[in-house]
Amino acid sequence: YAFKAVKAAGTTSIGVRGTDSVCVVTQKKVP
């Protein structure tokens, strides 16, 4: 859903949807 915004920032994001919670983990790319 917000992957485009993350890709534009040059980072990789992994979103995991839970039953009542949403966890979003963002990691900076290492050149």
PDB file of N, CA and C in Angstrom:
ATOM      1  N   TYR A   1       0.838  -1.196   0.000  1.00  0.00           N
ATOM      2  CA  TYR A   1       0.000   0.000   0.000  1.00  0.00           C
ATOM      3  C   TYR A   1       0.874   1.247   0.000  1.00  0.00           C
ATOM      4  N   ALA A   2       1.920   1.250   0.819  1.00  0.00           N
ATOM      5  CA  ALA A   2       2.821   2.416   0.877  1.00  0.00           C
ATOM      6  C   ALA A   2       4.194   2.045   0.359  1.00  0.00           C
ATOM      7  N   PHE A   3       4.218   1.052  -0.526  1.00  0.00           N
ATOM      8  CA  PHE A   3       5.515   0.593  -1.038  1.00  0.00           C
ATOM      9  C   PHE A   3       6.109   1.628  -1.991  1.00  0.00           C
ATOM     10  N   LYS A   4       5.257   2.296  -2.760  1.00  0.00           N
ATOM     11  CA  LYS A   4       5.754   3.286  -3.714  1.00  0.00           C
ATOM     12  C   LYS A   4       6.495   4.401  -2.989  1.00  0.00           C
ATOM     13  N   ALA A   5       5.957   4.845  -1.870  1.00  0.00           N
ATOM     14  CA  ALA A   5       6.594   5.924  -1.122  1.00  0.00           C
ATOM     15  C   ALA A   5       7.931   5.464  -0.561  1.00  0.00           C
ATOM     16  N   VAL A   6       7.990   4.194  -0.181  1.00  0.00           N
ATOM     17  CA  VAL A   6       9.227   3.670   0.397  1.00  0.00           C
ATOM     18  C   VAL A   6      10.272   3.489  -0.689  1.00  0.00           C
ATOM     19  N   LYS A   7       9.849   2.975  -1.834  1.00  0.00           N
ATOM     20  CA  LYS A   7      10.797   2.774  -2.933  1.00  0.00           C
ATOM     21  C   LYS A   7      11.354   4.113  -3.395  1.00  0.00           C
ATOM     22  N   ALA A   8      10.532   5.142  -3.366  1.00  0.00           N
ATOM     23  CA  ALA A   8      10.982   6.464  -3.784  1.00  0.00           C
ATOM     24  C   ALA A   8      12.056   6.975  -2.828  1.00  0.00           C
ATOM     25  N   ALA A   9      11.995   6.551  -1.575  1.00  0.00           N
ATOM     26  CA  ALA A   9      12.982   6.979  -0.586  1.00  0.00           C
ATOM     27  C   ALA A   9      14.244   6.133  -0.694  1.00  0.00           C
ATOM     28  N   GLY A  10      14.187   5.057  -1.488  1.00  0.00           N
ATOM     29  CA  GLY A  10      15.368   4.219  -1.677  1.00  0.00           C
ATOM     30  C   GLY A  10      15.521   3.224  -0.544  1.00  0.00           C
ATOM     31  N   THR A  11      14.404   2.729  -0.007  1.00  0.00           N
ATOM     32  CA  THR A  11      14.482   1.770   1.089  1.00  0.00           C
ATOM     33  C   THR A  11      13.578   0.584   0.797  1.00  0.00           C
ATOM     34  N   THR A  12      13.859  -0.513   1.457  1.00  0.00           N
ATOM     35  CA  THR A  12      13.031  -1.699   1.255  1.00  0.00           C
ATOM     36  C   THR A  12      12.111  -1.868   2.455  1.00  0.00           C
ATOM     37  N   SER A  13      10.831  -2.035   2.195  1.00  0.00           N
ATOM     38  CA  SER A  13       9.886  -2.171   3.301  1.00  0.00           C
ATOM     39  C   SER A  13       9.163  -3.506   3.230  1.00  0.00           C
ATOM     40  N   ILE A  14       8.953  -4.089   4.388  1.00  0.00           N
ATOM     41  CA  ILE A  14       8.230  -5.359   4.445  1.00  0.00           C
ATOM     42  C   ILE A  14       7.012  -5.164   5.334  1.00  0.00           C
ATOM     43  N   GLY A  15       5.834  -5.274   4.743  1.00  0.00           N
ATOM     44  CA  GLY A  15       4.612  -5.067   5.526  1.00  0.00           C
ATOM     45  C   GLY A  15       3.929  -6.386   5.827  1.00  0.00           C
ATOM     46  N   VAL A  16       3.588  -6.571   7.086  1.00  0.00           N
ATOM     47  CA  VAL A  16       2.902  -7.800   7.477  1.00  0.00           C
ATOM     48  C   VAL A  16       1.587  -7.430   8.138  1.00  0.00           C
ATOM     49  N   ARG A  17       0.496  -7.915   7.590  1.00  0.00           N
ATOM     50  CA  ARG A  17      -0.807  -7.581   8.163  1.00  0.00           C
ATOM     51  C   ARG A  17      -1.218  -8.605   9.209  1.00  0.00           C
ATOM     52  N   GLY A  18      -1.668  -8.107  10.352  1.00  0.00           N
ATOM     53  CA  GLY A  18      -2.129  -8.997  11.420  1.00  0.00           C
ATOM     54  C   GLY A  18      -3.640  -8.934  11.506  1.00  0.00           C
ATOM     55  N   THR A  19      -4.216  -9.658  12.443  1.00  0.00           N
ATOM     56  CA  THR A  19      -5.672  -9.659  12.580  1.00  0.00           C
ATOM     57  C   THR A  19      -6.148  -8.272  13.007  1.00  0.00           C
ATOM     58  N   ASP A  20      -5.496  -7.698  14.001  1.00  0.00           N
ATOM     59  CA  ASP A  20      -5.907  -6.375  14.487  1.00  0.00           C
ATOM     60  C   ASP A  20      -4.738  -5.401  14.500  1.00  0.00           C
ATOM     61  N   SER A  21      -3.613  -5.824  13.942  1.00  0.00           N
ATOM     62  CA  SER A  21      -2.450  -4.937  13.967  1.00  0.00           C
ATOM     63  C   SER A  21      -1.662  -5.075  12.671  1.00  0.00           C
ATOM     64  N   VAL A  22      -0.980  -4.009  12.309  1.00  0.00           N
ATOM     65  CA  VAL A  22      -0.172  -4.036  11.084  1.00  0.00           C
ATOM     66  C   VAL A  22       1.264  -3.670  11.440  1.00  0.00           C
ATOM     67  N   CYS A  23       2.190  -4.552  11.090  1.00  0.00           N
ATOM     68  CA  CYS A  23       3.596  -4.292  11.403  1.00  0.00           C
ATOM     69  C   CYS A  23       4.328  -3.934  10.117  1.00  0.00           C
ATOM     70  N   VAL A  24       5.022  -2.828  10.150  1.00  0.00           N
ATOM     71  CA  VAL A  24       5.776  -2.405   8.967  1.00  0.00           C
ATOM     72  C   VAL A  24       7.249  -2.288   9.335  1.00  0.00           C
ATOM     73  N   VAL A  25       8.076  -3.024   8.617  1.00  0.00           N
ATOM     74  CA  VAL A  25       9.512  -2.987   8.905  1.00  0.00           C
ATOM     75  C   VAL A  25      10.229  -2.375   7.713  1.00  0.00           C
ATOM     76  N   THR A  26      10.995  -1.318   7.981  1.00  0.00           N
ATOM     77  CA  THR A  26      11.718  -0.655   6.898  1.00  0.00           C
ATOM     78  C   THR A  26      13.211  -0.808   7.125  1.00  0.00           C
ATOM     79  N   GLN A  27      13.911  -1.228   6.086  1.00  0.00           N
ATOM     80  CA  GLN A  27      15.356  -1.395   6.196  1.00  0.00           C
ATOM     81  C   GLN A  27      16.029  -0.603   5.088  1.00  0.00           C
ATOM     82  N   LYS A  28      17.087   0.117   5.442  1.00  0.00           N
ATOM     83  CA  LYS A  28      17.808   0.897   4.437  1.00  0.00           C
ATOM     84  C   LYS A  28      18.693  -0.024   3.618  1.00  0.00           C
ATOM     85  N   LYS A  29      18.750   0.233   2.318  1.00  0.00           N
ATOM     86  CA  LYS A  29      19.589  -0.597   1.451  1.00  0.00           C
ATOM     87  C   LYS A  29      21.059  -0.279   1.704  1.00  0.00           C
ATOM     88  N   VAL A  30      21.876  -1.318   1.744  1.00  0.00           N
ATOM     89  CA  VAL A  30      23.306  -1.120   1.967  1.00  0.00           C
ATOM     90  C   VAL A  30      24.020  -1.208   0.622  1.00  0.00           C
ATOM     91  N   PRO A  31      24.648  -0.118   0.188  1.00  0.00           N
ATOM     92  CA  PRO A  31      25.324  -0.100  -1.115  1.00  0.00           C
ATOM     93  C   PRO A  31      26.563  -0.993  -1.130  1.00  0.00           C
TER      94      PRO A  31
END
